[in-house]
Amino acid sequence: MQYFVTVEGEQFTVEVDDGTIRVNGEAVSADLTALPGTASRSLLLDDRSHFLLVERNGGGDWTLDLGSGPVRVEVLDRAGRAIRELTRKAAAEQGPRPLRAPMPGMVVKVDVDEGEEVAAGQAGVVVEAMKMENELHAESEARVRTIHVEPGEAVEKDQVLVEFATAEEDEDG
């Protein structure tokens, strides 16, 4: 069986066949044993023993802790990898998602301008609802295509507040 493993951005191909384990084509000696009733595992890797905590996050995503802090790991077989690639491709083709009002409220502030390049996580709009301010952020790098609101404007739930240009539109424009 072949697995594609990503650890902190570094990718590995792991093959398990009749007790032989190869990582990027090189044979390794490994044994992983679950400790009953816990999320702990005992890992014997090239004659070195390791204790690790394992948490399954779902969808091939795991969090491992060897004692130096948690590390996110993605483990996919061939089918899982193909599905993940198709999903990512479809999301990229749809382009960046617009900022939408999470509930009815009032626009307090618009932190972006049309044509501005924004970073993932950058604040775009602040909407006040039920006396609380909600700061809405861009999910990915993009260019602001259209701003549909201005401060003081009332908005409805799911109303599009800011649209972003897709990569293709960015190249064309």
N, C-alpha and C. Protein backbone atom coordinates (compact mmCIF):
# COMPACT_ATOMS: atom_id res chain seq x y z
N MET A 1 0.85 -1.18 0.00
CA MET A 1 0.00 0.00 0.00
C MET A 1 0.90 1.24 0.00
N GLN A 2 0.53 2.24 -0.76
CA GLN A 2 1.32 3.46 -0.86
C GLN A 2 0.55 4.61 -0.20
N TYR A 3 1.29 5.41 0.60
CA TYR A 3 0.72 6.57 1.28
C TYR A 3 1.54 7.81 0.93
N PHE A 4 0.86 8.93 0.93
CA PHE A 4 1.50 10.22 0.69
C PHE A 4 1.36 11.01 1.99
N VAL A 5 2.49 11.30 2.61
CA VAL A 5 2.52 11.90 3.94
C VAL A 5 3.14 13.29 3.85
N THR A 6 2.46 14.27 4.42
CA THR A 6 2.99 15.64 4.46
C THR A 6 3.16 16.04 5.93
N VAL A 7 4.39 16.40 6.29
CA VAL A 7 4.71 16.81 7.65
C VAL A 7 5.33 18.21 7.57
N GLU A 8 4.63 19.19 8.12
CA GLU A 8 5.10 20.59 8.11
C GLU A 8 5.57 21.01 6.72
N GLY A 9 4.76 20.71 5.69
CA GLY A 9 5.05 21.12 4.33
C GLY A 9 5.98 20.20 3.56
N GLU A 10 6.66 19.28 4.24
CA GLU A 10 7.56 18.36 3.56
C GLU A 10 6.80 17.09 3.21
N GLN A 11 6.93 16.65 1.95
CA GLN A 11 6.17 15.49 1.49
C GLN A 11 7.04 14.24 1.41
N PHE A 12 6.43 13.11 1.80
CA PHE A 12 7.10 11.82 1.77
C PHE A 12 6.18 10.80 1.11
N THR A 13 6.77 9.83 0.42
CA THR A 13 6.02 8.70 -0.10
C THR A 13 6.39 7.51 0.77
N VAL A 14 5.38 6.89 1.37
CA VAL A 14 5.61 5.75 2.26
C VAL A 14 4.93 4.54 1.65
N GLU A 15 5.71 3.47 1.45
CA GLU A 15 5.19 2.23 0.90
C GLU A 15 5.30 1.13 1.95
N VAL A 16 4.19 0.43 2.17
CA VAL A 16 4.16 -0.68 3.11
C VAL A 16 3.78 -1.92 2.32
N ASP A 17 4.70 -2.91 2.29
CA ASP A 17 4.47 -4.11 1.50
C ASP A 17 5.07 -5.32 2.21
N ASP A 18 4.22 -6.23 2.65
CA ASP A 18 4.67 -7.46 3.32
C ASP A 18 5.67 -7.18 4.45
N GLY A 19 5.38 -6.22 5.29
CA GLY A 19 6.25 -5.93 6.43
C GLY A 19 7.44 -5.05 6.10
N THR A 20 7.66 -4.75 4.82
CA THR A 20 8.74 -3.86 4.42
C THR A 20 8.19 -2.45 4.28
N ILE A 21 8.89 -1.50 4.88
CA ILE A 21 8.46 -0.10 4.82
C ILE A 21 9.54 0.70 4.12
N ARG A 22 9.11 1.46 3.13
CA ARG A 22 10.05 2.33 2.40
C ARG A 22 9.55 3.77 2.49
N VAL A 23 10.45 4.67 2.82
CA VAL A 23 10.14 6.09 2.86
C VAL A 23 10.97 6.74 1.77
N ASN A 24 10.29 7.32 0.78
CA ASN A 24 10.95 7.89 -0.40
C ASN A 24 11.92 6.89 -1.02
N GLY A 25 11.51 5.61 -1.07
CA GLY A 25 12.29 4.58 -1.72
C GLY A 25 13.33 3.91 -0.84
N GLU A 26 13.60 4.41 0.35
CA GLU A 26 14.60 3.83 1.23
C GLU A 26 13.94 2.99 2.32
N ALA A 27 14.43 1.75 2.47
CA ALA A 27 13.87 0.84 3.48
C ALA A 27 14.17 1.37 4.88
N VAL A 28 13.16 1.28 5.75
CA VAL A 28 13.34 1.64 7.17
C VAL A 28 12.75 0.53 8.02
N SER A 29 13.27 0.41 9.21
CA SER A 29 12.74 -0.56 10.16
C SER A 29 11.81 0.20 11.09
N ALA A 30 10.52 -0.18 11.11
CA ALA A 30 9.55 0.54 11.93
C ALA A 30 8.49 -0.39 12.47
N ASP A 31 8.02 -0.08 13.68
CA ASP A 31 6.92 -0.80 14.29
C ASP A 31 6.13 0.20 15.12
N LEU A 32 4.84 0.27 14.88
CA LEU A 32 3.96 1.18 15.60
C LEU A 32 2.94 0.35 16.37
N THR A 33 2.89 0.56 17.68
CA THR A 33 1.98 -0.21 18.52
C THR A 33 1.10 0.74 19.33
N ALA A 34 -0.20 0.52 19.25
CA ALA A 34 -1.15 1.32 20.04
C ALA A 34 -1.09 0.88 21.49
N LEU A 35 -1.14 1.85 22.40
CA LEU A 35 -1.20 1.53 23.82
C LEU A 35 -2.68 1.51 24.20
N PRO A 36 -3.21 0.36 24.54
CA PRO A 36 -4.65 0.18 24.75
C PRO A 36 -5.28 1.22 25.66
N GLY A 37 -6.45 1.72 25.22
CA GLY A 37 -7.21 2.67 26.03
C GLY A 37 -6.68 4.08 26.03
N THR A 38 -5.68 4.38 25.18
CA THR A 38 -5.11 5.73 25.14
C THR A 38 -4.96 6.20 23.70
N ALA A 39 -4.61 7.46 23.55
CA ALA A 39 -4.29 8.01 22.23
C ALA A 39 -2.79 7.93 21.99
N SER A 40 -2.09 7.16 22.80
CA SER A 40 -0.64 7.05 22.74
C SER A 40 -0.22 5.87 21.88
N ARG A 41 0.95 6.00 21.29
CA ARG A 41 1.54 4.93 20.49
C ARG A 41 3.00 4.79 20.87
N SER A 42 3.50 3.57 20.72
CA SER A 42 4.92 3.31 20.86
C SER A 42 5.46 3.10 19.46
N LEU A 43 6.45 3.88 19.07
CA LEU A 43 7.04 3.79 17.73
C LEU A 43 8.48 3.36 17.85
N LEU A 44 8.81 2.26 17.23
CA LEU A 44 10.19 1.79 17.15
C LEU A 44 10.64 2.08 15.72
N LEU A 45 11.55 3.02 15.57
CA LEU A 45 11.99 3.47 14.25
C LEU A 45 13.50 3.35 14.17
N ASP A 46 13.97 2.45 13.30
CA ASP A 46 15.40 2.18 13.16
C ASP A 46 16.05 1.96 14.53
N ASP A 47 15.46 1.08 15.31
CA ASP A 47 15.96 0.67 16.63
C ASP A 47 15.96 1.79 17.68
N ARG A 48 15.25 2.87 17.43
CA ARG A 48 15.08 3.94 18.43
C ARG A 48 13.62 3.98 18.82
N SER A 49 13.38 4.00 20.12
CA SER A 49 12.01 3.98 20.63
C SER A 49 11.50 5.41 20.84
N HIS A 50 10.25 5.63 20.43
CA HIS A 50 9.61 6.94 20.59
C HIS A 50 8.22 6.74 21.17
N PHE A 51 7.81 7.66 21.99
CA PHE A 51 6.46 7.68 22.55
C PHE A 51 5.75 8.85 21.88
N LEU A 52 4.57 8.62 21.32
CA LEU A 52 3.87 9.73 20.69
C LEU A 52 2.39 9.69 20.98
N LEU A 53 1.82 10.89 21.04
CA LEU A 53 0.37 11.05 21.17
C LEU A 53 -0.19 11.25 19.77
N VAL A 54 -1.31 10.60 19.50
CA VAL A 54 -1.90 10.65 18.17
C VAL A 54 -3.35 11.10 18.28
N GLU A 55 -3.70 12.09 17.48
CA GLU A 55 -5.09 12.56 17.44
C GLU A 55 -5.53 12.60 15.99
N ARG A 56 -6.60 11.89 15.68
CA ARG A 56 -7.13 11.88 14.31
C ARG A 56 -8.09 13.05 14.17
N ASN A 57 -7.82 13.91 13.19
CA ASN A 57 -8.66 15.08 12.96
C ASN A 57 -9.70 14.83 11.87
N GLY A 58 -9.55 13.72 11.14
CA GLY A 58 -10.48 13.39 10.07
C GLY A 58 -9.93 13.75 8.70
N GLY A 59 -10.41 13.05 7.70
CA GLY A 59 -10.04 13.36 6.32
C GLY A 59 -8.56 13.21 6.01
N GLY A 60 -7.86 12.32 6.71
CA GLY A 60 -6.43 12.15 6.47
C GLY A 60 -5.56 13.09 7.28
N ASP A 61 -6.16 13.97 8.07
CA ASP A 61 -5.40 14.92 8.88
C ASP A 61 -5.24 14.39 10.29
N TRP A 62 -4.02 14.45 10.79
CA TRP A 62 -3.67 13.96 12.12
C TRP A 62 -2.86 15.02 12.85
N THR A 63 -2.86 14.94 14.17
CA THR A 63 -1.95 15.74 14.99
C THR A 63 -1.12 14.75 15.79
N LEU A 64 0.20 14.85 15.66
CA LEU A 64 1.13 13.99 16.37
C LEU A 64 1.96 14.82 17.33
N ASP A 65 2.28 14.25 18.48
CA ASP A 65 3.14 14.95 19.44
C ASP A 65 4.17 13.96 19.95
N LEU A 66 5.44 14.21 19.62
CA LEU A 66 6.56 13.38 20.08
C LEU A 66 7.18 13.95 21.34
N GLY A 67 6.48 14.91 21.98
CA GLY A 67 7.00 15.51 23.20
C GLY A 67 7.52 16.92 23.02
N SER A 68 7.70 17.34 21.78
CA SER A 68 8.22 18.68 21.53
C SER A 68 7.14 19.62 21.01
N GLY A 69 5.89 19.21 21.12
CA GLY A 69 4.77 20.04 20.66
C GLY A 69 4.05 19.37 19.50
N PRO A 70 2.79 19.75 19.29
CA PRO A 70 1.99 19.11 18.25
C PRO A 70 2.46 19.45 16.84
N VAL A 71 2.33 18.46 15.95
CA VAL A 71 2.69 18.62 14.55
C VAL A 71 1.52 18.11 13.72
N ARG A 72 1.07 18.92 12.76
CA ARG A 72 -0.02 18.50 11.86
C ARG A 72 0.57 17.64 10.76
N VAL A 73 -0.09 16.52 10.50
CA VAL A 73 0.37 15.57 9.49
C VAL A 73 -0.82 15.18 8.62
N GLU A 74 -0.60 15.11 7.32
CA GLU A 74 -1.62 14.63 6.40
C GLU A 74 -1.15 13.29 5.84
N VAL A 75 -2.00 12.27 5.94
CA VAL A 75 -1.68 10.93 5.44
C VAL A 75 -2.80 10.52 4.50
N LEU A 76 -2.46 10.31 3.22
CA LEU A 76 -3.46 9.94 2.22
C LEU A 76 -2.99 8.74 1.42
N ASP A 77 -3.93 7.84 1.09
CA ASP A 77 -3.61 6.78 0.16
C ASP A 77 -3.83 7.34 -1.25
N ARG A 78 -3.67 6.51 -2.28
CA ARG A 78 -3.82 7.00 -3.66
C ARG A 78 -5.19 7.62 -3.91
N ALA A 79 -6.24 6.94 -3.47
CA ALA A 79 -7.60 7.45 -3.70
C ALA A 79 -7.83 8.75 -2.94
N GLY A 80 -7.41 8.79 -1.69
CA GLY A 80 -7.57 10.00 -0.89
C GLY A 80 -6.81 11.18 -1.49
N ARG A 81 -5.62 10.89 -2.00
CA ARG A 81 -4.82 11.95 -2.63
C ARG A 81 -5.51 12.48 -3.89
N ALA A 82 -6.06 11.58 -4.70
CA ALA A 82 -6.75 11.99 -5.92
C ALA A 82 -7.96 12.85 -5.58
N ILE A 83 -8.72 12.43 -4.58
CA ILE A 83 -9.89 13.22 -4.16
C ILE A 83 -9.47 14.59 -3.64
N ARG A 84 -8.42 14.63 -2.82
CA ARG A 84 -7.94 15.91 -2.27
C ARG A 84 -7.50 16.85 -3.40
N GLU A 85 -6.78 16.32 -4.40
CA GLU A 85 -6.32 17.14 -5.51
C GLU A 85 -7.49 17.68 -6.34
N LEU A 86 -8.51 16.83 -6.58
CA LEU A 86 -9.69 17.29 -7.31
C LEU A 86 -10.43 18.37 -6.53
N THR A 87 -10.54 18.19 -5.23
CA THR A 87 -11.22 19.17 -4.38
C THR A 87 -10.48 20.50 -4.40
N ARG A 88 -9.17 20.45 -4.27
CA ARG A 88 -8.37 21.69 -4.30
C ARG A 88 -8.48 22.37 -5.65
N LYS A 89 -8.44 21.57 -6.72
CA LYS A 89 -8.54 22.14 -8.07
C LYS A 89 -9.89 22.82 -8.26
N ALA A 90 -10.96 22.17 -7.83
CA ALA A 90 -12.30 22.75 -7.96
C ALA A 90 -12.41 24.04 -7.17
N ALA A 91 -11.85 24.06 -5.96
CA ALA A 91 -11.90 25.28 -5.13
C ALA A 91 -11.11 26.40 -5.78
N ALA A 92 -9.95 26.06 -6.37
CA ALA A 92 -9.13 27.08 -7.02
C ALA A 92 -9.84 27.64 -8.25
N GLU A 93 -10.55 26.76 -8.99
CA GLU A 93 -11.26 27.22 -10.18
C GLU A 93 -12.41 28.14 -9.84
N GLN A 94 -13.02 27.95 -8.68
CA GLN A 94 -14.13 28.80 -8.25
C GLN A 94 -13.63 30.17 -7.80
N GLY A 95 -12.38 30.24 -7.46
CA GLY A 95 -11.80 31.50 -7.02
C GLY A 95 -12.05 31.78 -5.56
N PRO A 96 -11.50 32.89 -5.10
CA PRO A 96 -11.65 33.23 -3.69
C PRO A 96 -13.10 33.53 -3.34
N ARG A 97 -13.50 33.07 -2.16
CA ARG A 97 -14.88 33.29 -1.73
C ARG A 97 -15.07 34.73 -1.28
N PRO A 98 -16.24 35.29 -1.61
CA PRO A 98 -16.51 36.68 -1.21
C PRO A 98 -16.75 36.77 0.29
N LEU A 99 -16.64 37.99 0.82
CA LEU A 99 -17.02 38.23 2.20
C LEU A 99 -18.52 38.42 2.23
N ARG A 100 -19.20 37.68 3.10
CA ARG A 100 -20.66 37.75 3.24
C ARG A 100 -21.01 38.11 4.67
N ALA A 101 -22.11 38.79 4.84
CA ALA A 101 -22.58 39.14 6.18
C ALA A 101 -22.98 37.87 6.91
N PRO A 102 -22.44 37.64 8.12
CA PRO A 102 -22.78 36.42 8.85
C PRO A 102 -24.18 36.46 9.45
N MET A 103 -24.75 37.67 9.56
CA MET A 103 -26.09 37.87 10.11
C MET A 103 -26.53 39.28 9.75
N PRO A 104 -27.79 39.61 9.92
CA PRO A 104 -28.21 40.99 9.65
C PRO A 104 -27.46 41.94 10.57
N GLY A 105 -27.09 43.10 10.06
CA GLY A 105 -26.36 44.06 10.88
C GLY A 105 -26.09 45.34 10.13
N MET A 106 -25.09 46.07 10.66
CA MET A 106 -24.71 47.37 10.10
C MET A 106 -23.22 47.37 9.81
N VAL A 107 -22.84 47.82 8.61
CA VAL A 107 -21.43 47.92 8.26
C VAL A 107 -20.83 49.07 9.07
N VAL A 108 -19.79 48.76 9.84
CA VAL A 108 -19.13 49.76 10.66
C VAL A 108 -17.91 50.31 9.93
N LYS A 109 -17.21 49.42 9.23
CA LYS A 109 -15.94 49.83 8.62
C LYS A 109 -15.63 48.94 7.42
N VAL A 110 -15.07 49.54 6.38
CA VAL A 110 -14.56 48.80 5.23
C VAL A 110 -13.06 49.04 5.21
N ASP A 111 -12.28 47.96 5.39
CA ASP A 111 -10.83 48.08 5.53
C ASP A 111 -10.05 47.86 4.24
N VAL A 112 -10.74 47.69 3.11
CA VAL A 112 -10.07 47.44 1.84
C VAL A 112 -10.58 48.40 0.78
N ASP A 113 -9.84 48.50 -0.31
CA ASP A 113 -10.23 49.32 -1.45
C ASP A 113 -10.28 48.45 -2.70
N GLU A 114 -11.13 48.82 -3.65
CA GLU A 114 -11.18 48.07 -4.90
C GLU A 114 -9.81 48.12 -5.57
N GLY A 115 -9.39 46.96 -6.10
CA GLY A 115 -8.09 46.85 -6.75
C GLY A 115 -6.96 46.50 -5.79
N GLU A 116 -7.20 46.58 -4.50
CA GLU A 116 -6.17 46.28 -3.50
C GLU A 116 -5.90 44.78 -3.44
N GLU A 117 -4.63 44.42 -3.30
CA GLU A 117 -4.26 43.03 -3.07
C GLU A 117 -4.34 42.78 -1.58
N VAL A 118 -5.00 41.68 -1.21
CA VAL A 118 -5.14 41.35 0.20
C VAL A 118 -4.48 40.00 0.47
N ALA A 119 -4.03 39.83 1.70
CA ALA A 119 -3.42 38.58 2.14
C ALA A 119 -4.47 37.71 2.83
N ALA A 120 -4.22 36.42 2.88
CA ALA A 120 -5.11 35.52 3.61
C ALA A 120 -5.17 35.97 5.06
N GLY A 121 -6.38 36.09 5.58
CA GLY A 121 -6.57 36.50 6.97
C GLY A 121 -6.67 38.00 7.19
N GLN A 122 -6.48 38.77 6.14
CA GLN A 122 -6.54 40.22 6.26
C GLN A 122 -7.98 40.68 6.47
N ALA A 123 -8.17 41.64 7.37
CA ALA A 123 -9.51 42.18 7.64
C ALA A 123 -10.03 42.89 6.40
N GLY A 124 -11.33 42.69 6.13
CA GLY A 124 -11.93 43.34 4.97
C GLY A 124 -13.07 44.26 5.35
N VAL A 125 -13.97 43.78 6.21
CA VAL A 125 -15.15 44.54 6.59
C VAL A 125 -15.47 44.23 8.05
N VAL A 126 -15.97 45.26 8.75
CA VAL A 126 -16.46 45.06 10.11
C VAL A 126 -17.96 45.30 10.10
N VAL A 127 -18.71 44.30 10.58
CA VAL A 127 -20.17 44.39 10.65
C VAL A 127 -20.59 44.30 12.11
N GLU A 128 -21.45 45.23 12.53
CA GLU A 128 -21.97 45.18 13.89
C GLU A 128 -23.33 44.51 13.87
N ALA A 129 -23.49 43.53 14.74
CA ALA A 129 -24.77 42.82 14.86
C ALA A 129 -24.98 42.51 16.34
N MET A 130 -26.13 42.83 16.84
CA MET A 130 -26.48 42.59 18.24
C MET A 130 -25.43 43.18 19.19
N LYS A 131 -25.01 44.41 18.89
CA LYS A 131 -24.05 45.17 19.70
C LYS A 131 -22.66 44.54 19.77
N MET A 132 -22.36 43.64 18.82
CA MET A 132 -21.02 43.05 18.74
C MET A 132 -20.47 43.29 17.35
N GLU A 133 -19.17 43.61 17.30
CA GLU A 133 -18.52 43.81 16.02
C GLU A 133 -17.92 42.50 15.52
N ASN A 134 -18.18 42.19 14.25
CA ASN A 134 -17.65 40.99 13.60
C ASN A 134 -16.70 41.43 12.50
N GLU A 135 -15.43 41.11 12.67
CA GLU A 135 -14.44 41.45 11.66
C GLU A 135 -14.34 40.29 10.67
N LEU A 136 -14.60 40.56 9.41
CA LEU A 136 -14.60 39.53 8.37
C LEU A 136 -13.28 39.59 7.61
N HIS A 137 -12.70 38.42 7.37
CA HIS A 137 -11.35 38.34 6.80
C HIS A 137 -11.34 37.60 5.46
N ALA A 138 -10.41 37.99 4.60
CA ALA A 138 -10.19 37.28 3.34
C ALA A 138 -9.66 35.89 3.65
N GLU A 139 -10.15 34.87 2.95
CA GLU A 139 -9.71 33.50 3.19
C GLU A 139 -8.41 33.17 2.48
N SER A 140 -8.09 33.92 1.43
CA SER A 140 -6.88 33.64 0.67
C SER A 140 -6.36 34.92 0.04
N GLU A 141 -5.16 34.84 -0.51
CA GLU A 141 -4.62 35.99 -1.23
C GLU A 141 -5.50 36.26 -2.44
N ALA A 142 -5.78 37.52 -2.70
CA ALA A 142 -6.64 37.87 -3.83
C ALA A 142 -6.53 39.37 -4.07
N ARG A 143 -7.28 39.82 -5.08
CA ARG A 143 -7.39 41.25 -5.37
C ARG A 143 -8.87 41.60 -5.20
N VAL A 144 -9.13 42.72 -4.52
CA VAL A 144 -10.51 43.15 -4.30
C VAL A 144 -11.09 43.58 -5.65
N ARG A 145 -12.17 42.91 -6.07
CA ARG A 145 -12.81 43.24 -7.34
C ARG A 145 -13.87 44.33 -7.12
N THR A 146 -14.81 44.06 -6.20
CA THR A 146 -15.94 44.98 -6.00
C THR A 146 -16.29 45.06 -4.52
N ILE A 147 -16.51 46.28 -4.06
CA ILE A 147 -17.02 46.50 -2.70
C ILE A 147 -18.48 46.92 -2.86
N HIS A 148 -19.38 46.16 -2.25
CA HIS A 148 -20.81 46.39 -2.42
C HIS A 148 -21.44 47.21 -1.30
N VAL A 149 -20.69 47.55 -0.28
CA VAL A 149 -21.26 48.24 0.88
C VAL A 149 -20.37 49.39 1.30
N GLU A 150 -20.93 50.23 2.17
CA GLU A 150 -20.15 51.31 2.76
C GLU A 150 -20.56 51.46 4.23
N PRO A 151 -19.71 52.07 5.03
CA PRO A 151 -20.04 52.24 6.45
C PRO A 151 -21.41 52.89 6.64
N GLY A 152 -22.15 52.37 7.62
CA GLY A 152 -23.48 52.89 7.92
C GLY A 152 -24.59 52.18 7.20
N GLU A 153 -24.25 51.30 6.27
CA GLU A 153 -25.25 50.58 5.49
C GLU A 153 -25.74 49.33 6.23
N ALA A 154 -27.04 49.11 6.23
CA ALA A 154 -27.63 47.91 6.81
C ALA A 154 -27.47 46.76 5.82
N VAL A 155 -27.15 45.56 6.34
CA VAL A 155 -26.98 44.40 5.48
C VAL A 155 -27.79 43.23 6.02
N GLU A 156 -28.12 42.31 5.12
CA GLU A 156 -28.87 41.11 5.47
C GLU A 156 -27.92 39.92 5.57
N LYS A 157 -28.35 38.88 6.26
CA LYS A 157 -27.55 37.66 6.38
C LYS A 157 -27.21 37.13 4.99
N ASP A 158 -25.96 36.74 4.79
CA ASP A 158 -25.42 36.17 3.54
C ASP A 158 -25.30 37.16 2.40
N GLN A 159 -25.56 38.43 2.64
CA GLN A 159 -25.38 39.43 1.59
C GLN A 159 -23.89 39.55 1.27
N VAL A 160 -23.56 39.60 -0.04
CA VAL A 160 -22.18 39.76 -0.46
C VAL A 160 -21.74 41.19 -0.17
N LEU A 161 -20.64 41.30 0.59
CA LEU A 161 -20.12 42.61 0.96
C LEU A 161 -18.93 43.01 0.10
N VAL A 162 -18.04 42.05 -0.14
CA VAL A 162 -16.84 42.30 -0.94
C VAL A 162 -16.60 41.07 -1.82
N GLU A 163 -16.34 41.31 -3.11
CA GLU A 163 -15.99 40.23 -4.04
C GLU A 163 -14.51 40.35 -4.38
N PHE A 164 -13.89 39.19 -4.59
CA PHE A 164 -12.47 39.15 -4.93
C PHE A 164 -12.30 38.61 -6.34
N ALA A 165 -11.24 39.04 -7.01
CA ALA A 165 -10.94 38.57 -8.36
C ALA A 165 -10.28 37.20 -8.28
N THR A 166 -10.61 36.33 -9.25
CA THR A 166 -9.96 35.03 -9.35
C THR A 166 -8.58 35.23 -9.96
N ALA A 167 -7.76 34.18 -9.91
CA ALA A 167 -6.42 34.26 -10.48
C ALA A 167 -6.48 34.55 -11.98
N GLU A 168 -7.44 33.92 -12.70
CA GLU A 168 -7.56 34.16 -14.14
C GLU A 168 -7.94 35.61 -14.42
N GLU A 169 -8.90 36.13 -13.65
CA GLU A 169 -9.30 37.54 -13.85
C GLU A 169 -8.15 38.46 -13.52
N ASP A 170 -7.36 38.09 -12.50
CA ASP A 170 -6.23 38.91 -12.09
C ASP A 170 -5.20 38.97 -13.22
N GLU A 171 -4.97 37.82 -13.91
CA GLU A 171 -4.02 37.78 -15.03
C GLU A 171 -4.55 38.57 -16.23
N ASP A 172 -5.87 38.47 -16.49
CA ASP A 172 -6.47 39.15 -17.63
C ASP A 172 -6.56 40.66 -17.43
N GLY A 173 -6.75 41.06 -16.16
CA GLY A 173 -7.01 42.46 -15.88
C GLY A 173 -5.78 43.13 -15.49
